[in-house]
C-alpha cells in the first residue's frame, strides 16, 4: 500500500493492518512486507516501481518497468527452450518459443518496457541462431542463412520467430467515461 507521510506513519499503518487481518486468520509476511521510499523503489507483480529523474529535465517521475527478476525468468525460459535437442525442427521450436515471448511481452507492455523488449528480441534471435548452428553443424552458414532466415528473422513452414521489439508499449491510456462504475449515472 502507498502512504503519504513519514516512515513511522507507514509502520503504524502496517501494525493496524496486521490487527485487522488477525481476526480473519490472516497475517502479513515479515519477509514480503517492508517499508521503503519510492525513490528506492519496490518490486510488485513483476514490475519495478521507482521514482527517477526524467531524462532531459529536472522533473522526477514514477516509472514502472519489468523487474530484473522477471527479465531473468524469461531469459531462463528462452535458454531452456533453445537448449533442448528434442525439437525435431525449427518450426517445432518456434511453436513453443513464440507463445512464451508473446505472453511475456503482452503482460509487460503497460510499463516502460521498450528497451527491455529490444534486449529480449536480440537475445531470443541469438539463441535461435545458436540452436540452428548446433543442429546443422556440417552445413555452411550461407546455406543455413538462405534456408532459415527470411528478412533476418528465423523462419520455417511460414512460422516466424516472434519479435518482442514490435510490441506497442501503451503506458497511459485516456479512458474517460469508458471506466465502468457500479453507480447509476443520472442526467438532470
Protein backbone atom coordinates (compact mmCIF):
# COMPACT_ATOMS: atom_id res chain seq x y z
CA UNK A 1 0.00 0.00 0.00
CA UNK A 2 1.13 3.53 -0.60
CA UNK A 3 1.30 6.01 2.26
CA UNK A 4 1.94 9.72 2.15
CA UNK A 5 3.87 10.57 5.29
CA UNK A 6 6.93 9.56 7.27
CA UNK A 7 8.34 6.09 7.87
CA UNK A 8 6.79 5.99 11.34
CA UNK A 9 3.33 6.69 9.82
CA UNK A 10 3.77 3.75 7.45
CA UNK A 11 4.90 1.42 10.26
CA UNK A 12 1.91 2.39 12.42
CA UNK A 13 -0.39 1.71 9.47
CA UNK A 14 1.27 -1.68 8.91
CA UNK A 15 0.56 -2.62 12.53
CA UNK A 16 -3.07 -1.50 12.13
CA UNK A 17 -3.45 -3.65 9.02
CA UNK A 18 -1.98 -6.64 10.88
CA UNK A 19 -4.56 -6.16 13.66
CA UNK A 20 -7.41 -6.02 11.14
CA UNK A 21 -6.21 -9.19 9.40
CA UNK A 22 -5.66 -11.19 12.61
CA UNK A 23 -9.37 -11.96 13.34
CA UNK A 24 -9.72 -13.33 9.80
CA UNK A 25 -6.87 -15.76 10.40
CA UNK A 26 -4.51 -13.86 8.08
CA UNK A 27 -1.16 -12.29 8.79
CA UNK A 28 1.38 -10.14 7.00
CA UNK A 29 4.52 -11.95 5.92
CA UNK A 30 7.59 -10.43 7.57
CA UNK A 31 9.71 -11.42 4.59
CA UNK A 32 7.44 -9.89 1.94
CA UNK A 33 6.23 -6.80 3.80
CA UNK A 34 8.61 -3.89 4.05
CA UNK A 35 8.56 -0.13 4.21
CA UNK A 36 10.55 1.65 1.51
CA UNK A 37 10.75 5.08 -0.04
CA UNK A 38 9.50 5.48 -3.62
CA UNK A 39 12.98 6.67 -4.64
CA UNK A 40 14.38 3.28 -3.52
CA UNK A 41 11.65 1.52 -5.46
CA UNK A 42 9.82 -1.73 -4.94
CA UNK A 43 9.01 -4.86 -6.91
CA UNK A 44 5.33 -5.73 -7.30
CA UNK A 45 3.84 -8.38 -9.60
CA UNK A 46 6.97 -8.48 -11.76
CA UNK A 47 7.18 -4.72 -12.17
CA UNK A 48 9.78 -2.42 -10.64
CA UNK A 49 8.11 0.79 -9.43
CA UNK A 50 10.56 3.59 -8.77
CA UNK A 51 10.76 7.38 -8.95
CA UNK A 52 13.57 8.65 -11.15
CA UNK A 53 14.63 11.83 -12.86
CA UNK A 54 13.06 12.23 -16.28
CA UNK A 55 15.81 12.37 -18.92
CA UNK A 56 16.50 15.87 -20.17
CA UNK A 57 14.69 17.59 -17.29
CA UNK A 58 14.98 18.06 -13.54
CA UNK A 59 11.47 16.62 -13.04
CA UNK A 60 11.11 13.41 -11.02
CA UNK A 61 8.60 10.86 -12.34
CA UNK A 62 7.41 7.43 -11.14
CA UNK A 63 8.27 4.70 -13.65
CA UNK A 64 7.04 1.11 -13.83
CA UNK A 65 9.24 -1.27 -15.76
CA UNK A 66 9.94 -5.04 -15.76
CA UNK A 67 11.94 -6.12 -12.72
CA UNK A 68 15.31 -7.81 -13.05
CA UNK A 69 13.82 -10.99 -11.61
CA UNK A 70 11.08 -11.05 -14.29
CA UNK A 71 13.63 -10.47 -17.05
CA UNK A 72 15.87 -13.20 -15.65
CA UNK A 73 12.86 -15.53 -15.64
CA UNK A 74 12.06 -15.05 -19.32
CA UNK A 75 15.75 -15.25 -20.26
CA UNK A 76 15.97 -18.56 -18.39
CA UNK A 77 12.86 -19.84 -20.14
CA UNK A 78 14.22 -18.91 -23.59
CA UNK A 79 17.54 -20.51 -22.69
CA UNK A 80 15.82 -23.73 -21.56
CA UNK A 81 13.70 -23.95 -24.71
CA UNK A 82 16.62 -23.35 -27.07
CA UNK A 83 18.95 -25.69 -25.18
CA UNK A 84 16.88 -28.79 -25.84
CA UNK A 85 17.71 -31.11 -28.67
CA UNK A 86 14.22 -32.65 -28.52
CA UNK A 87 12.85 -30.27 -31.14
CA UNK A 88 12.74 -32.10 -34.46
CA UNK A 89 12.73 -28.88 -36.48
CA UNK A 90 12.98 -25.13 -36.25
CA UNK A 91 9.19 -24.89 -36.73
CA UNK A 92 8.63 -27.03 -33.62
CA UNK A 93 11.00 -24.82 -31.62
CA UNK A 94 9.25 -21.65 -32.81
CA UNK A 95 5.82 -23.12 -31.94
CA UNK A 96 6.97 -23.45 -28.34
CA UNK A 97 9.01 -20.26 -28.11
CA UNK A 98 6.62 -17.76 -29.72
CA UNK A 99 3.72 -18.08 -27.21
CA UNK A 100 6.16 -17.65 -24.31
CA UNK A 101 7.63 -14.45 -25.77
CA UNK A 102 4.23 -13.09 -26.85
CA UNK A 103 2.65 -13.69 -23.42
CA UNK A 104 5.52 -12.09 -21.50
CA UNK A 105 5.53 -9.02 -23.74
CA UNK A 106 1.75 -8.67 -23.56
CA UNK A 107 1.92 -8.65 -19.76
CA UNK A 108 4.70 -6.04 -19.57
CA UNK A 109 3.56 -3.75 -22.42
CA UNK A 110 1.97 -1.30 -19.98
CA UNK A 111 5.26 -0.25 -18.40
CA UNK A 112 8.46 1.40 -19.56
CA UNK A 113 9.44 -1.72 -21.48
CA UNK A 114 10.67 -0.76 -24.95
CA UNK A 115 14.39 -1.14 -24.17
CA UNK A 116 13.72 -4.43 -22.35
CA UNK A 117 11.76 -5.73 -25.34
CA UNK A 118 14.65 -4.80 -27.62
CA UNK A 119 17.08 -6.70 -25.41
CA UNK A 120 14.79 -9.75 -25.27
CA UNK A 121 14.34 -9.69 -29.05
CA UNK A 122 18.07 -9.66 -29.64
CA UNK A 123 18.64 -12.40 -27.03
CA UNK A 124 15.99 -14.73 -28.48
CA UNK A 125 17.30 -14.13 -32.02
CA UNK A 126 20.83 -15.09 -30.96
CA UNK A 127 19.65 -18.18 -29.06
CA UNK A 128 17.72 -19.44 -32.09
CA UNK A 129 20.73 -18.70 -34.31
CA UNK A 130 22.88 -20.74 -31.93
CA UNK A 131 20.32 -23.58 -31.97
CA UNK A 132 20.36 -23.67 -35.79
CA UNK A 133 24.17 -23.68 -35.91
CA UNK A 134 24.35 -26.58 -33.43
CA UNK A 135 21.56 -28.52 -35.13
CA UNK A 136 23.21 -28.34 -38.55
CA UNK A 137 26.91 -28.42 -37.65
CA UNK A 138 28.20 -29.61 -41.02
CA UNK A 139 26.16 -27.20 -43.15
CA UNK A 140 27.74 -23.93 -44.24
CA UNK A 141 26.40 -20.74 -42.73
CA UNK A 142 25.43 -19.26 -46.10
CA UNK A 143 23.21 -22.26 -46.82
CA UNK A 144 21.60 -22.07 -43.37
CA UNK A 145 21.01 -18.36 -43.75
CA UNK A 146 19.27 -18.81 -47.13
CA UNK A 147 17.19 -21.68 -45.77
CA UNK A 148 16.09 -20.38 -42.36
CA UNK A 149 16.45 -16.58 -42.34
CA UNK A 150 13.84 -14.62 -44.28
CA UNK A 151 14.20 -10.85 -43.72
CA UNK A 152 16.70 -11.61 -40.95
CA UNK A 153 14.06 -13.48 -38.89
CA UNK A 154 14.30 -17.26 -38.28
CA UNK A 155 11.50 -18.83 -40.35
CA UNK A 156 10.36 -22.33 -41.25
CA UNK A 157 7.00 -23.51 -42.64
CA UNK A 158 5.66 -19.92 -42.52
CA UNK A 159 6.30 -19.76 -38.75
CA UNK A 160 8.44 -16.73 -37.91
CA UNK A 161 10.20 -16.01 -34.62
CA UNK A 162 8.05 -13.56 -32.64
CA UNK A 163 9.60 -10.10 -32.48
CA UNK A 164 9.21 -8.61 -28.96
CA UNK A 165 10.57 -5.29 -30.21
CA UNK A 166 7.45 -4.85 -32.37
CA UNK A 167 5.08 -4.88 -29.37
CA UNK A 168 3.48 -1.49 -28.88
CA UNK A 169 4.03 -0.04 -25.43
CA UNK A 170 0.95 1.86 -24.22
CA UNK A 171 1.63 3.36 -20.83
CA UNK A 172 -1.16 5.85 -20.25
CA UNK A 173 -4.48 5.42 -21.98
CA UNK A 174 -7.16 8.08 -21.73
CA UNK A 175 -10.30 6.17 -20.74
CA UNK A 176 -12.64 8.97 -19.53
CA UNK A 177 -16.22 7.67 -19.33
CA UNK A 178 -15.24 4.19 -20.52
CA UNK A 179 -14.43 3.16 -16.95
CA UNK A 180 -17.25 1.02 -15.61
CA UNK A 181 -18.77 2.20 -12.33
CA UNK A 182 -21.19 0.36 -10.04
CA UNK A 183 -23.22 3.56 -9.50
CA UNK A 184 -26.09 4.56 -11.69
CA UNK A 185 -25.47 7.68 -13.72
CA UNK A 186 -28.28 10.16 -13.93
CA UNK A 187 -28.55 13.23 -16.05
CA UNK A 188 -30.82 16.06 -14.98
